[in-house]
Structures are given as structure tokens and as C-alpha cells.
Amino acid sequence: MKNQFSKKLMATEQELQSLFDTLDGDKDGKVSINELFLSPGLSAIISSETGISSPQELLSRYASDPDGSITFEELKQAVKKADNLT
């Protein structure tokens, strides 16, 4: 899966939103942590942008509720904390 995100280490908010929307299959505004890491290409992007390689670690650090999913705002917060959002 080739996409425009893998060419940079820093994402814009628009690129991050596009990535999130791709993963949010049911369009409920949340993506399960496992879905975030389902695709090897997308996993590499999330890992490089957040510095977090484990879905469980991402969930424990940034998800506000224990439902096993993360919102766009929570993912954005993780990328900002890693100083990779432009």
C-alpha cells in the first residue's frame, strides 16, 4: 500500500486526518487500536509519527476511555507529543 504519508516523518493535520479516515471504516469517529496497526504500511507511519510501536501502549497513553479505540483528537495528541505534527 503506497501512500503520500510514508514519504515524510512529519505529518500535517490534514494528512493525519486522511489516514485516520481511511482506517475509520464505520465512520463513527473512532478507530480500534488493532485497526491502527492492521496494515504494515500504516503501522510504520503511526509508529514513526508517535514513537509508539504497541497498540496497547498507544491506548494506555492517549485513549480517554477503555473501549479499545482511539479518536482522531487522541491520535493527534500522540503525534503532537512526539513533535511530529506540522
C-alpha atoms as a PDB file:
ATOM      1  CA  MET A   1       0.000   0.000   0.000  1.00  0.00           C
ATOM      2  CA  LYS A   2       1.718   3.126  -1.190  1.00  0.00           C
ATOM      3  CA  ASN A   3       0.539   6.479   0.084  1.00  0.00           C
ATOM      4  CA  GLN A   4       1.670  10.043   0.490  1.00  0.00           C
ATOM      5  CA  PHE A   5       2.167   9.692   4.254  1.00  0.00           C
ATOM      6  CA  SER A   6       5.182   7.377   4.093  1.00  0.00           C
ATOM      7  CA  LYS A   7       7.355   9.953   2.337  1.00  0.00           C
ATOM      8  CA  LYS A   8       7.735  12.187   5.404  1.00  0.00           C
ATOM      9  CA  LEU A   9       8.405  11.761   9.073  1.00  0.00           C
ATOM     10  CA  MET A  10       6.234  14.753   9.936  1.00  0.00           C
ATOM     11  CA  ALA A  11       2.544  14.811   9.081  1.00  0.00           C
ATOM     12  CA  THR A  12       0.254  17.725   8.597  1.00  0.00           C
ATOM     13  CA  GLU A  13      -3.054  17.622  10.427  1.00  0.00           C
ATOM     14  CA  GLN A  14      -4.809  17.116   7.077  1.00  0.00           C
ATOM     15  CA  GLU A  15      -2.625  14.100   6.247  1.00  0.00           C
ATOM     16  CA  LEU A  16      -3.213  12.630   9.690  1.00  0.00           C
ATOM     17  CA  GLN A  17      -6.971  13.160   9.323  1.00  0.00           C
ATOM     18  CA  SER A  18      -6.908  11.447   5.928  1.00  0.00           C
ATOM     19  CA  LEU A  19      -5.040   8.478   7.392  1.00  0.00           C
ATOM     20  CA  PHE A  20      -7.492   8.283  10.292  1.00  0.00           C
ATOM     21  CA  ASP A  21     -10.498   8.498   7.960  1.00  0.00           C
ATOM     22  CA  THR A  22      -9.080   5.643   5.875  1.00  0.00           C
ATOM     23  CA  LEU A  23      -8.973   3.449   8.971  1.00  0.00           C
ATOM     24  CA  ASP A  24     -12.367   4.551  10.330  1.00  0.00           C
ATOM     25  CA  GLY A  25     -14.380   2.117   8.233  1.00  0.00           C
ATOM     26  CA  ASP A  26     -17.717   2.624  10.006  1.00  0.00           C
ATOM     27  CA  LYS A  27     -17.236   6.423  10.221  1.00  0.00           C
ATOM     28  CA  ASP A  28     -18.058   6.548  13.943  1.00  0.00           C
ATOM     29  CA  GLY A  29     -15.139   8.864  14.696  1.00  0.00           C
ATOM     30  CA  LYS A  30     -13.114   6.118  16.382  1.00  0.00           C
ATOM     31  CA  VAL A  31     -10.616   3.543  15.196  1.00  0.00           C
ATOM     32  CA  SER A  32      -9.820   0.428  17.173  1.00  0.00           C
ATOM     33  CA  ILE A  33      -6.241   0.224  18.296  1.00  0.00           C
ATOM     34  CA  ASN A  34      -5.843  -3.066  16.423  1.00  0.00           C
ATOM     35  CA  GLU A  35      -7.117  -1.432  13.195  1.00  0.00           C
ATOM     36  CA  LEU A  36      -4.426   1.219  13.525  1.00  0.00           C
ATOM     37  CA  PHE A  37      -1.779  -1.458  13.331  1.00  0.00           C
ATOM     38  CA  LEU A  38      -3.534  -3.831  10.906  1.00  0.00           C
ATOM     39  CA  SER A  39      -1.745  -2.591   7.800  1.00  0.00           C
ATOM     40  CA  PRO A  40       2.078  -2.830   7.847  1.00  0.00           C
ATOM     41  CA  GLY A  41       2.399   0.453   5.941  1.00  0.00           C
ATOM     42  CA  LEU A  42       0.017   2.329   8.199  1.00  0.00           C
ATOM     43  CA  SER A  43       1.617   0.759  11.263  1.00  0.00           C
ATOM     44  CA  ALA A  44       5.001   2.113  10.203  1.00  0.00           C
ATOM     45  CA  ILE A  45       3.541   5.591   9.750  1.00  0.00           C
ATOM     46  CA  ILE A  46       1.823   5.590  13.150  1.00  0.00           C
ATOM     47  CA  SER A  47       4.950   4.220  14.814  1.00  0.00           C
ATOM     48  CA  SER A  48       7.240   6.795  13.198  1.00  0.00           C
ATOM     49  CA  GLU A  49       4.876   9.681  13.916  1.00  0.00           C
ATOM     50  CA  THR A  50       4.224   8.795  17.564  1.00  0.00           C
ATOM     51  CA  GLY A  51       7.319   6.859  18.588  1.00  0.00           C
ATOM     52  CA  ILE A  52       4.953   4.149  19.882  1.00  0.00           C
ATOM     53  CA  SER A  53       5.017   0.682  18.334  1.00  0.00           C
ATOM     54  CA  SER A  54       2.492  -1.129  20.533  1.00  0.00           C
ATOM     55  CA  PRO A  55      -1.280  -0.651  20.175  1.00  0.00           C
ATOM     56  CA  GLN A  56      -1.635  -1.253  23.904  1.00  0.00           C
ATOM     57  CA  GLU A  57       0.893   1.475  24.733  1.00  0.00           C
ATOM     58  CA  LEU A  58      -0.861   3.959  22.443  1.00  0.00           C
ATOM     59  CA  LEU A  59      -4.178   3.109  24.092  1.00  0.00           C
ATOM     60  CA  SER A  60      -2.865   3.368  27.634  1.00  0.00           C
ATOM     61  CA  ARG A  61      -1.182   6.722  26.994  1.00  0.00           C
ATOM     62  CA  TYR A  62      -3.763   8.529  24.882  1.00  0.00           C
ATOM     63  CA  ALA A  63      -7.215   6.916  24.804  1.00  0.00           C
ATOM     64  CA  SER A  64      -9.611   8.654  27.181  1.00  0.00           C
ATOM     65  CA  ASP A  65     -11.873   5.661  27.688  1.00  0.00           C
ATOM     66  CA  PRO A  66     -11.242   1.916  27.879  1.00  0.00           C
ATOM     67  CA  ASP A  67     -13.348   0.948  24.841  1.00  0.00           C
ATOM     68  CA  GLY A  68     -10.345  -0.245  22.815  1.00  0.00           C
ATOM     69  CA  SER A  69     -10.454   2.622  20.342  1.00  0.00           C
ATOM     70  CA  ILE A  70      -8.865   5.995  19.775  1.00  0.00           C
ATOM     71  CA  THR A  71     -10.352   9.191  18.385  1.00  0.00           C
ATOM     72  CA  PHE A  72      -8.695  11.478  15.871  1.00  0.00           C
ATOM     73  CA  GLU A  73      -8.035  14.061  18.591  1.00  0.00           C
ATOM     74  CA  GLU A  74      -6.307  11.440  20.741  1.00  0.00           C
ATOM     75  CA  LEU A  75      -4.147  10.290  17.835  1.00  0.00           C
ATOM     76  CA  LYS A  76      -3.333  13.916  17.008  1.00  0.00           C
ATOM     77  CA  GLN A  77      -2.283  14.462  20.626  1.00  0.00           C
ATOM     78  CA  ALA A  78       0.114  11.486  20.392  1.00  0.00           C
ATOM     79  CA  VAL A  79       1.675  12.838  17.190  1.00  0.00           C
ATOM     80  CA  LYS A  80       1.960  16.351  18.668  1.00  0.00           C
ATOM     81  CA  LYS A  81       3.621  14.990  21.801  1.00  0.00           C
ATOM     82  CA  ALA A  82       6.199  13.258  19.590  1.00  0.00           C
ATOM     83  CA  ASP A  83       6.700  16.682  17.944  1.00  0.00           C
ATOM     84  CA  ASN A  84       5.827  15.309  14.507  1.00  0.00           C
ATOM     85  CA  LEU A  85       2.794  17.377  13.565  1.00  0.00           C
ATOM     86  CA  THR A  86       3.406  20.298  11.243  1.00  0.00           C
END
